[in-house]
C-alpha atoms as a PDB file:
ATOM      1  CA  MET A   1     -42.998  20.603   9.983  1.00  0.00           C
ATOM      2  CA  SER A   2     -41.611  21.048   6.470  1.00  0.00           C
ATOM      3  CA  GLY A   3     -39.362  18.742   4.466  1.00  0.00           C
ATOM      4  CA  GLN A   4     -36.184  19.490   2.522  1.00  0.00           C
ATOM      5  CA  ARG A   5     -33.601  17.269   0.852  1.00  0.00           C
ATOM      6  CA  GLY A   6     -31.992  15.216   3.599  1.00  0.00           C
ATOM      7  CA  HIS A   7     -33.436  17.163   6.507  1.00  0.00           C
ATOM      8  CA  LYS A   8     -36.689  18.470   7.954  1.00  0.00           C
ATOM      9  CA  VAL A   9     -37.448  21.655   9.867  1.00  0.00           C
ATOM     10  CA  PHE A  10     -39.201  21.406  13.240  1.00  0.00           C
ATOM     11  CA  GLN A  11     -40.506  24.007  15.659  1.00  0.00           C
ATOM     12  CA  VAL A  12     -38.673  23.556  18.972  1.00  0.00           C
ATOM     13  CA  GLN A  13     -38.247  25.326  22.283  1.00  0.00           C
ATOM     14  CA  ARG A  14     -34.783  26.248  23.492  1.00  0.00           C
ATOM     15  CA  ARG A  15     -34.324  26.784  27.219  1.00  0.00           C
ATOM     16  CA  HIS A  16     -31.275  28.598  28.580  1.00  0.00           C
ATOM     17  CA  ASP A  17     -29.968  28.841  32.132  1.00  0.00           C
ATOM     18  CA  GLY A  18     -31.228  31.891  33.980  1.00  0.00           C
ATOM     19  CA  GLU A  19     -34.240  32.408  31.733  1.00  0.00           C
ATOM     20  CA  ALA A  20     -36.891  30.755  33.875  1.00  0.00           C
ATOM     21  CA  GLU A  21     -38.956  33.941  34.147  1.00  0.00           C
ATOM     22  CA  SER A  22     -39.197  34.554  30.397  1.00  0.00           C
ATOM     23  CA  GLY A  23     -39.763  30.890  29.543  1.00  0.00           C
ATOM     24  CA  PRO A  24     -38.327  28.800  26.693  1.00  0.00           C
ATOM     25  CA  GLU A  25     -37.419  30.418  23.384  1.00  0.00           C
ATOM     26  CA  THR A  26     -39.346  29.215  20.305  1.00  0.00           C
ATOM     27  CA  ALA A  27     -37.086  28.442  17.357  1.00  0.00           C
ATOM     28  CA  ARG A  28     -36.743  26.366  14.200  1.00  0.00           C
ATOM     29  CA  ASP A  29     -34.385  23.400  14.154  1.00  0.00           C
ATOM     30  CA  GLN A  30     -33.188  21.348  11.190  1.00  0.00           C
ATOM     31  CA  LEU A  31     -33.030  17.602  11.792  1.00  0.00           C
ATOM     32  CA  ALA A  32     -31.473  14.936   9.594  1.00  0.00           C
ATOM     33  CA  GLU A  33     -33.966  12.630   7.925  1.00  0.00           C
ATOM     34  CA  GLU A  34     -33.691   8.907   8.649  1.00  0.00           C
ATOM     35  CA  VAL A  35     -35.706   6.757   6.272  1.00  0.00           C
ATOM     36  CA  ALA A  36     -36.236   3.025   5.823  1.00  0.00           C
ATOM     37  CA  VAL A  37     -34.679   2.139   2.469  1.00  0.00           C
ATOM     38  CA  ALA A  38     -35.456  -1.300   1.056  1.00  0.00           C
ATOM     39  CA  LEU A  39     -33.071  -2.743  -1.522  1.00  0.00           C
ATOM     40  CA  VAL A  40     -35.010  -4.972  -3.924  1.00  0.00           C
ATOM     41  CA  TYR A  41     -32.965  -6.970  -6.453  1.00  0.00           C
ATOM     42  CA  ASN A  42     -34.749  -8.211  -9.574  1.00  0.00           C
ATOM     43  CA  GLY A  43     -38.016  -8.144  -7.624  1.00  0.00           C
ATOM     44  CA  LEU A  44     -36.593  -9.892  -4.529  1.00  0.00           C
ATOM     45  CA  SER A  45     -36.500  -7.836  -1.326  1.00  0.00           C
ATOM     46  CA  HIS A  46     -33.040  -8.287   0.151  1.00  0.00           C
ATOM     47  CA  VAL A  47     -32.491  -5.885   3.039  1.00  0.00           C
ATOM     48  CA  VAL A  48     -33.897  -2.743   4.669  1.00  0.00           C
ATOM     49  CA  MET A  49     -31.439  -0.116   5.895  1.00  0.00           C
ATOM     50  CA  MET A  50     -32.057   3.084   7.818  1.00  0.00           C
ATOM     51  CA  ALA A  51     -30.433   5.802   5.745  1.00  0.00           C
ATOM     52  CA  SER A  52     -30.513   9.416   4.635  1.00  0.00           C
ATOM     53  CA  PRO A  53     -32.751   9.733   1.539  1.00  0.00           C
ATOM     54  CA  THR A  54     -29.967  11.339  -0.512  1.00  0.00           C
ATOM     55  CA  ASP A  55     -27.692   9.993  -3.263  1.00  0.00           C
ATOM     56  CA  LEU A  56     -29.626   6.733  -3.264  1.00  0.00           C
ATOM     57  CA  GLU A  57     -28.321   5.576  -6.641  1.00  0.00           C
ATOM     58  CA  ASP A  58     -24.771   5.862  -5.272  1.00  0.00           C
ATOM     59  CA  PHE A  59     -25.902   3.947  -2.188  1.00  0.00           C
ATOM     60  CA  ALA A  60     -27.437   1.135  -4.232  1.00  0.00           C
ATOM     61  CA  LEU A  61     -24.326   0.725  -6.367  1.00  0.00           C
ATOM     62  CA  GLY A  62     -21.873   1.018  -3.475  1.00  0.00           C
ATOM     63  CA  PHE A  63     -23.807  -1.399  -1.258  1.00  0.00           C
ATOM     64  CA  SER A  64     -24.103  -3.892  -4.105  1.00  0.00           C
ATOM     65  CA  LEU A  65     -20.332  -3.771  -4.636  1.00  0.00           C
ATOM     66  CA  THR A  66     -19.167  -3.829  -1.018  1.00  0.00           C
ATOM     67  CA  GLU A  67     -21.578  -6.632  -0.098  1.00  0.00           C
ATOM     68  CA  GLY A  68     -20.385  -8.726  -3.035  1.00  0.00           C
ATOM     69  CA  ILE A  69     -23.790  -8.837  -4.736  1.00  0.00           C
ATOM     70  CA  ILE A  70     -22.122  -7.630  -7.920  1.00  0.00           C
ATOM     71  CA  GLU A  71     -18.432  -7.618  -8.802  1.00  0.00           C
ATOM     72  CA  ARG A  72     -18.418  -4.767 -11.307  1.00  0.00           C
ATOM     73  CA  PRO A  73     -20.577  -1.672 -11.825  1.00  0.00           C
ATOM     74  CA  GLU A  74     -21.505  -2.963 -15.287  1.00  0.00           C
ATOM     75  CA  GLN A  75     -23.461  -5.803 -13.645  1.00  0.00           C
ATOM     76  CA  LEU A  76     -25.974  -3.310 -12.284  1.00  0.00           C
ATOM     77  CA  TYR A  77     -28.367  -2.423 -15.101  1.00  0.00           C
ATOM     78  CA  GLY A  78     -30.788   0.016 -13.506  1.00  0.00           C
ATOM     79  CA  ILE A  79     -32.134   1.577 -10.306  1.00  0.00           C
ATOM     80  CA  GLU A  80     -35.643   2.895  -9.736  1.00  0.00           C
ATOM     81  CA  ALA A  81     -36.792   4.513  -6.484  1.00  0.00           C
ATOM     82  CA  GLU A  82     -40.383   4.119  -5.335  1.00  0.00           C
ATOM     83  CA  HIS A  83     -41.544   6.270  -2.436  1.00  0.00           C
ATOM     84  CA  ARG A  84     -43.864   4.432  -0.073  1.00  0.00           C
ATOM     85  CA  THR A  85     -45.718   5.541   3.034  1.00  0.00           C
ATOM     86  CA  LEU A  86     -43.193   3.865   5.321  1.00  0.00           C
ATOM     87  CA  GLY A  87     -40.041   4.538   3.316  1.00  0.00           C
ATOM     88  CA  ILE A  88     -38.347   4.099  -0.050  1.00  0.00           C
ATOM     89  CA  GLU A  89     -37.945   0.987  -2.173  1.00  0.00           C
ATOM     90  CA  LEU A  90     -34.918   0.851  -4.455  1.00  0.00           C
ATOM     91  CA  HIS A  91     -35.670  -1.551  -7.282  1.00  0.00           C
ATOM     92  CA  ILE A  92     -32.296  -2.672  -8.587  1.00  0.00           C
ATOM     93  CA  GLU A  93     -31.820  -4.727 -11.725  1.00  0.00           C
ATOM     94  CA  ILE A  94     -28.659  -6.830 -11.756  1.00  0.00           C
ATOM     95  CA  ALA A  95     -27.126  -9.384 -14.096  1.00  0.00           C
ATOM     96  CA  SER A  96     -28.757 -12.809 -14.015  1.00  0.00           C
ATOM     97  CA  GLU A  97     -25.606 -14.578 -12.795  1.00  0.00           C
ATOM     98  CA  CYS A  98     -25.393 -12.185  -9.850  1.00  0.00           C
ATOM     99  CA  PHE A  99     -29.045 -12.716  -9.020  1.00  0.00           C
ATOM    100  CA  VAL A 100     -28.603 -16.499  -9.066  1.00  0.00           C
ATOM    101  CA  LYS A 101     -25.752 -16.167  -6.548  1.00  0.00           C
ATOM    102  CA  LEU A 102     -27.836 -13.840  -4.394  1.00  0.00           C
ATOM    103  CA  LYS A 103     -30.768 -16.275  -4.292  1.00  0.00           C
ATOM    104  CA  GLU A 104     -28.460 -19.166  -3.428  1.00  0.00           C
ATOM    105  CA  HIS A 105     -26.958 -17.126  -0.625  1.00  0.00           C
ATOM    106  CA  ARG A 106     -30.381 -16.237   0.750  1.00  0.00           C
ATOM    107  CA  ARG A 107     -31.481 -19.867   0.974  1.00  0.00           C
ATOM    108  CA  ASN A 108     -29.252 -20.305   4.005  1.00  0.00           C
ATOM    109  CA  LEU A 109     -29.988 -16.894   5.497  1.00  0.00           C
ATOM    110  CA  VAL A 110     -30.659 -17.080   9.233  1.00  0.00           C
ATOM    111  CA  GLY A 111     -30.548 -13.452  10.302  1.00  0.00           C
ATOM    112  CA  ARG A 112     -29.335  -9.933   9.767  1.00  0.00           C
ATOM    113  CA  THR A 113     -27.724  -7.238  11.842  1.00  0.00           C
ATOM    114  CA  GLY A 114     -27.454  -3.501  11.404  1.00  0.00           C
ATOM    115  CA  CYS A 115     -23.683  -3.603  11.588  1.00  0.00           C
ATOM    116  CA  GLY A 116     -23.008  -4.151   7.916  1.00  0.00           C
ATOM    117  CA  LEU A 117     -22.540  -7.938   7.977  1.00  0.00           C
ATOM    118  CA  CYS A 118     -25.703  -8.406   5.953  1.00  0.00           C
ATOM    119  CA  GLY A 119     -26.733 -11.970   5.311  1.00  0.00           C
ATOM    120  CA  ALA A 120     -23.772 -13.694   6.969  1.00  0.00           C
ATOM    121  CA  GLU A 121     -24.849 -17.162   8.080  1.00  0.00           C
ATOM    122  CA  SER A 122     -21.532 -18.361   9.511  1.00  0.00           C
ATOM    123  CA  LEU A 123     -18.562 -17.010  11.425  1.00  0.00           C
ATOM    124  CA  GLN A 124     -16.369 -17.650   8.399  1.00  0.00           C
ATOM    125  CA  GLN A 125     -18.579 -15.466   6.235  1.00  0.00           C
ATOM    126  CA  ALA A 126     -19.024 -12.807   8.902  1.00  0.00           C
ATOM    127  CA  VAL A 127     -15.312 -12.328   9.552  1.00  0.00           C
ATOM    128  CA  ASP A 128     -13.646 -13.545   6.388  1.00  0.00           C
ATOM    129  CA  MET A 129     -10.017 -12.914   5.551  1.00  0.00           C
ATOM    130  CA  PRO A 130      -9.525  -9.671   3.610  1.00  0.00           C
ATOM    131  CA  LYS A 131      -8.066  -9.644   0.124  1.00  0.00           C
ATOM    132  CA  PRO A 132      -4.702  -7.925  -0.490  1.00  0.00           C
ATOM    133  CA  VAL A 133      -4.826  -4.319  -1.692  1.00  0.00           C
ATOM    134  CA  ALA A 134      -2.228  -2.399  -3.658  1.00  0.00           C
ATOM    135  CA  ALA A 135       0.651  -1.315  -1.432  1.00  0.00           C
ATOM    136  CA  VAL A 136       1.009   2.470  -1.280  1.00  0.00           C
ATOM    137  CA  ALA A 137       2.848   4.995   0.871  1.00  0.00           C
ATOM    138  CA  LEU A 138       1.095   6.830   3.689  1.00  0.00           C
ATOM    139  CA  PRO A 139      -0.317  10.274   2.972  1.00  0.00           C
ATOM    140  CA  ASP A 140       1.859  12.847   4.696  1.00  0.00           C
ATOM    141  CA  GLY A 141       0.739  14.828   7.710  1.00  0.00           C
ATOM    142  CA  GLN A 142       0.041  17.970   5.705  1.00  0.00           C
ATOM    143  CA  ALA A 143      -2.304  16.076   3.368  1.00  0.00           C
ATOM    144  CA  ILE A 144      -4.295  14.724   6.310  1.00  0.00           C
ATOM    145  CA  GLU A 145      -4.358  18.198   7.856  1.00  0.00           C
ATOM    146  CA  THR A 146      -5.668  19.670   4.600  1.00  0.00           C
ATOM    147  CA  ALA A 147      -8.394  17.033   4.281  1.00  0.00           C
ATOM    148  CA  LEU A 148      -9.543  17.589   7.863  1.00  0.00           C
ATOM    149  CA  GLY A 149      -9.654  21.329   7.239  1.00  0.00           C
ATOM    150  CA  GLN A 150     -11.900  20.832   4.208  1.00  0.00           C
ATOM    151  CA  LEU A 151     -14.217  18.276   5.781  1.00  0.00           C
ATOM    152  CA  LYS A 152     -16.668  20.671   7.413  1.00  0.00           C
ATOM    153  CA  ALA A 153     -17.074  22.824   4.313  1.00  0.00           C
ATOM    154  CA  ASN A 154     -17.873  19.732   2.246  1.00  0.00           C
ATOM    155  CA  GLN A 155     -20.566  18.426   4.610  1.00  0.00           C
ATOM    156  CA  PRO A 156     -23.619  20.629   4.009  1.00  0.00           C
ATOM    157  CA  LEU A 157     -26.060  18.237   5.672  1.00  0.00           C
ATOM    158  CA  GLN A 158     -23.869  17.912   8.750  1.00  0.00           C
ATOM    159  CA  SER A 159     -23.516  21.684   8.977  1.00  0.00           C
ATOM    160  CA  VAL A 160     -27.275  22.174   9.349  1.00  0.00           C
ATOM    161  CA  THR A 161     -28.170  19.060  11.352  1.00  0.00           C
ATOM    162  CA  GLY A 162     -25.058  17.967  13.278  1.00  0.00           C
ATOM    163  CA  ALA A 163     -26.248  14.361  12.954  1.00  0.00           C
ATOM    164  CA  VAL A 164     -24.660  12.765   9.877  1.00  0.00           C
ATOM    165  CA  HIS A 165     -21.376  11.127   8.949  1.00  0.00           C
ATOM    166  CA  GLY A 166     -19.213  11.915   5.962  1.00  0.00           C
ATOM    167  CA  ALA A 167     -16.916   9.811   3.775  1.00  0.00           C
ATOM    168  CA  ALA A 168     -14.525  11.672   1.489  1.00  0.00           C
ATOM    169  CA  LEU A 169     -12.198  10.752  -1.353  1.00  0.00           C
ATOM    170  CA  CYS A 170      -9.023  12.868  -1.150  1.00  0.00           C
ATOM    171  CA  ASP A 171      -6.023  13.280  -3.426  1.00  0.00           C
ATOM    172  CA  LEU A 172      -2.499  12.919  -2.055  1.00  0.00           C
ATOM    173  CA  GLU A 173      -2.366  16.635  -1.267  1.00  0.00           C
ATOM    174  CA  GLY A 174      -5.455  16.246   0.914  1.00  0.00           C
ATOM    175  CA  HIS A 175      -7.949  18.025  -1.333  1.00  0.00           C
ATOM    176  CA  ILE A 176     -11.438  16.525  -1.065  1.00  0.00           C
ATOM    177  CA  LEU A 177     -12.567  15.428  -4.530  1.00  0.00           C
ATOM    178  CA  LEU A 178     -15.807  13.653  -3.639  1.00  0.00           C
ATOM    179  CA  LEU A 179     -17.874  13.353  -0.465  1.00  0.00           C
ATOM    180  CA  ARG A 180     -21.084  11.627   0.550  1.00  0.00           C
ATOM    181  CA  GLU A 181     -23.116  11.976   3.755  1.00  0.00           C
ATOM    182  CA  ASP A 182     -25.542   9.749   5.636  1.00  0.00           C
ATOM    183  CA  VAL A 183     -26.941   9.178   9.109  1.00  0.00           C
ATOM    184  CA  GLY A 184     -25.128   5.830   9.007  1.00  0.00           C
ATOM    185  CA  ARG A 185     -21.352   5.723   8.663  1.00  0.00           C
ATOM    186  CA  HIS A 186     -21.517   2.502   6.607  1.00  0.00           C
ATOM    187  CA  ASN A 187     -24.055   4.088   4.277  1.00  0.00           C
ATOM    188  CA  ALA A 188     -21.921   7.200   3.782  1.00  0.00           C
ATOM    189  CA  LEU A 189     -18.980   5.010   2.764  1.00  0.00           C
ATOM    190  CA  ASP A 190     -21.155   2.896   0.458  1.00  0.00           C
ATOM    191  CA  LYS A 191     -22.432   6.081  -1.181  1.00  0.00           C
ATOM    192  CA  LEU A 192     -18.869   7.317  -1.721  1.00  0.00           C
ATOM    193  CA  ILE A 193     -17.750   3.998  -3.173  1.00  0.00           C
ATOM    194  CA  GLY A 194     -20.810   3.901  -5.423  1.00  0.00           C
ATOM    195  CA  ALA A 195     -20.346   7.482  -6.638  1.00  0.00           C
ATOM    196  CA  ARG A 196     -16.709   6.821  -7.462  1.00  0.00           C
ATOM    197  CA  ALA A 197     -17.466   3.504  -9.187  1.00  0.00           C
ATOM    198  CA  ALA A 198     -20.078   5.194 -11.366  1.00  0.00           C
ATOM    199  CA  ASP A 199     -17.517   7.710 -12.663  1.00  0.00           C
ATOM    200  CA  ARG A 200     -14.068   6.230 -12.085  1.00  0.00           C
ATOM    201  CA  GLU A 201     -12.407   8.165 -14.910  1.00  0.00           C
ATOM    202  CA  SER A 202     -13.022  11.441 -13.085  1.00  0.00           C
ATOM    203  CA  TYR A 203     -11.065  10.445  -9.971  1.00  0.00           C
ATOM    204  CA  PRO A 204      -7.533   9.238  -9.211  1.00  0.00           C
ATOM    205  CA  ASP A 205      -6.923   5.559  -8.599  1.00  0.00           C
ATOM    206  CA  ASN A 206      -6.264   4.072  -5.165  1.00  0.00           C
ATOM    207  CA  SER A 207      -2.511   4.645  -5.342  1.00  0.00           C
ATOM    208  CA  GLU A 208      -3.072   8.398  -5.719  1.00  0.00           C
ATOM    209  CA  SER A 209      -5.830   8.935  -3.174  1.00  0.00           C
ATOM    210  CA  PHE A 210      -7.084   8.084   0.296  1.00  0.00           C
ATOM    211  CA  VAL A 211     -10.443   7.967   2.061  1.00  0.00           C
ATOM    212  CA  LEU A 212     -11.296  10.081   5.098  1.00  0.00           C
ATOM    213  CA  ILE A 213     -14.269   9.178   7.304  1.00  0.00           C
ATOM    214  CA  SER A 214     -15.793  11.278  10.068  1.00  0.00           C
ATOM    215  CA  SER A 215     -16.450   8.234  12.248  1.00  0.00           C
ATOM    216  CA  ARG A 216     -14.581   5.433  13.952  1.00  0.00           C
ATOM    217  CA  ALA A 217     -12.900   2.768  11.832  1.00  0.00           C
ATOM    218  CA  SER A 218     -14.808  -0.398  12.638  1.00  0.00           C
ATOM    219  CA  TYR A 219     -14.121  -3.756  11.012  1.00  0.00           C
ATOM    220  CA  GLU A 220     -17.017  -3.161   8.633  1.00  0.00           C
ATOM    221  CA  MET A 221     -15.548   0.139   7.429  1.00  0.00           C
ATOM    222  CA  VAL A 222     -12.178  -1.496   6.766  1.00  0.00           C
ATOM    223  CA  ASN A 223     -13.917  -4.405   5.054  1.00  0.00           C
ATOM    224  CA  LYS A 224     -15.876  -2.105   2.725  1.00  0.00           C
ATOM    225  CA  CYS A 225     -12.687  -0.224   1.811  1.00  0.00           C
ATOM    226  CA  ASN A 226     -10.930  -3.528   1.249  1.00  0.00           C
ATOM    227  CA  SER A 227     -13.684  -4.743  -1.074  1.00  0.00           C
ATOM    228  CA  ALA A 228     -13.279  -1.551  -3.130  1.00  0.00           C
ATOM    229  CA  GLY A 229      -9.485  -1.872  -3.269  1.00  0.00           C
ATOM    230  CA  ILE A 230      -8.948   1.264  -1.167  1.00  0.00           C
ATOM    231  CA  SER A 231      -5.407   1.193   0.229  1.00  0.00           C
ATOM    232  CA  THR A 232      -5.547   3.994   2.813  1.00  0.00           C
ATOM    233  CA  LEU A 233      -8.307   4.767   5.307  1.00  0.00           C
ATOM    234  CA  VAL A 234      -8.093   7.766   7.636  1.00  0.00           C
ATOM    235  CA  ALA A 235     -10.639   8.000  10.463  1.00  0.00           C
ATOM    236  CA  VAL A 236     -11.434  10.916  12.732  1.00  0.00           C
ATOM    237  CA  SER A 237     -12.089   8.521  15.635  1.00  0.00           C
ATOM    238  CA  ALA A 238     -10.531   5.277  16.846  1.00  0.00           C
ATOM    239  CA  PRO A 239     -10.310   1.950  15.050  1.00  0.00           C
ATOM    240  CA  THR A 240     -11.329  -1.330  16.637  1.00  0.00           C
ATOM    241  CA  ALA A 241      -8.790  -4.080  17.266  1.00  0.00           C
ATOM    242  CA  LEU A 242     -10.348  -6.276  14.565  1.00  0.00           C
ATOM    243  CA  ALA A 243     -10.200  -3.388  12.106  1.00  0.00           C
ATOM    244  CA  VAL A 244      -6.460  -3.004  12.734  1.00  0.00           C
ATOM    245  CA  GLU A 245      -5.867  -6.738  12.365  1.00  0.00           C
ATOM    246  CA  HIS A 246      -7.704  -6.898   9.064  1.00  0.00           C
ATOM    247  CA  ALA A 247      -6.105  -3.731   7.732  1.00  0.00           C
ATOM    248  CA  SER A 248      -2.711  -5.207   8.555  1.00  0.00           C
ATOM    249  CA  SER A 249      -3.569  -8.544   6.904  1.00  0.00           C
ATOM    250  CA  SER A 250      -4.680  -6.870   3.683  1.00  0.00           C
ATOM    251  CA  GLY A 251      -1.758  -4.425   3.490  1.00  0.00           C
ATOM    252  CA  MET A 252      -3.845  -1.309   4.083  1.00  0.00           C
ATOM    253  CA  ASN A 253      -2.699   1.918   5.669  1.00  0.00           C
ATOM    254  CA  LEU A 254      -5.001   2.624   8.620  1.00  0.00           C
ATOM    255  CA  ILE A 255      -4.862   5.933  10.472  1.00  0.00           C
ATOM    256  CA  GLY A 256      -7.099   6.899  13.376  1.00  0.00           C
ATOM    257  CA  PHE A 257      -7.712   9.782  15.778  1.00  0.00           C
ATOM    258  CA  ALA A 258      -7.035  12.208  12.920  1.00  0.00           C
ATOM    259  CA  ARG A 259      -7.061  15.667  14.439  1.00  0.00           C
ATOM    260  CA  PRO A 260      -5.470  18.966  13.457  1.00  0.00           C
ATOM    261  CA  GLY A 261      -1.762  18.544  14.095  1.00  0.00           C
ATOM    262  CA  ARG A 262      -1.808  14.879  15.120  1.00  0.00           C
ATOM    263  CA  HIS A 263      -2.955  11.386  14.176  1.00  0.00           C
ATOM    264  CA  VAL A 264      -2.162   7.776  15.036  1.00  0.00           C
ATOM    265  CA  ILE A 265      -0.776   5.307  12.472  1.00  0.00           C
ATOM    266  CA  TYR A 266      -2.066   1.803  13.239  1.00  0.00           C
ATOM    267  CA  THR A 267      -0.933  -0.097  10.129  1.00  0.00           C
ATOM    268  CA  ARG A 268       1.392   0.630   7.222  1.00  0.00           C
ATOM    269  CA  SER A 269       1.320  -1.021   3.819  1.00  0.00           C
ATOM    270  CA  GLU A 270       4.314  -2.904   2.480  1.00  0.00           C
ATOM    271  CA  ALA A 271       5.190   0.021   0.236  1.00  0.00           C
ATOM    272  CA  GLU A 272       5.373   2.330   3.231  1.00  0.00           C
ATOM    273  CA  GLN A 273       7.536  -0.129   5.164  1.00  0.00           C
ATOM    274  CA  GLU A 274       9.863  -0.622   2.181  1.00  0.00           C
ATOM    275  CA  LEU A 275      10.140   3.143   1.749  1.00  0.00           C
ATOM    276  CA  LYS A 276      11.130   3.614   5.405  1.00  0.00           C
ATOM    277  CA  PHE A 277      13.664   0.761   5.159  1.00  0.00           C
ATOM    278  CA  SER A 278      15.182   2.270   2.021  1.00  0.00           C
ATOM    279  CA  GLU A 279      15.464   5.683   3.670  1.00  0.00           C
ATOM    280  CA  SER A 280      17.075   4.282   6.826  1.00  0.00           C
ATOM    281  CA  LYS A 281      19.534   2.218   4.755  1.00  0.00           C
ATOM    282  CA  HIS A 282      20.479   5.288   2.716  1.00  0.00           C
ATOM    283  CA  VAL A 283      21.139   7.288   5.904  1.00  0.00           C
ATOM    284  CA  SER A 284      23.283   4.534   7.450  1.00  0.00           C
ATOM    285  CA  GLU A 285      25.394   4.326   4.298  1.00  0.00           C
END
């Protein structure tokens, strides 16, 4: 067994129908790594996530932003990774006011889940009302088609393992500008949000871009996009009912079942609705 960045190579046996006499075929298979990653803030261990051991600085920044631990990238001062026998510790230094809030929050902590609602101790905190995002028009069908066509080529880890999710930032023509991968769909999105936040000047703002994810659009995925001010989320698979409700409440565009030649529009932002009304009014006149 040998290790590479994000995946490991194993010796396996492949058995095919009709080959009982010759026996299984010996081959090499590349499997995605899944590592315990502990996020430690100012010396305080906060949470352990199972994640791909790639782009961990992006993950730390994105997670810190989408979980509300910090409000701005400037409040994160440094990240240091320490490799342990059982996983990786990310030692994250944040502003003192953010750390005070984090400690206060943890005093009432009663449990965690792996669904992305880290540290929620009440229903109100777990399913809070989303904040409004900037209203923008939907990306057109050709842009979504272009992004889908580029997704595979921009997922190197998925191409060799078949076991990771991708989250991509796309311009309005559908060209993928930035993509991050992880065994967890939430982690992939956090990594994308962190990578973009670390270098915002290199990428278009939310009114000139959209995010494409290779997974379903759960409430947590919508919530993370909402926290980052992302106005349009396109998912390869289905959304959940709660995801649609929250996307609608915040004014997001939410598109699911994105496939070559077709997709389903679940919510439209106010800008999209106003545009359609203006077009229909112009036609009637």
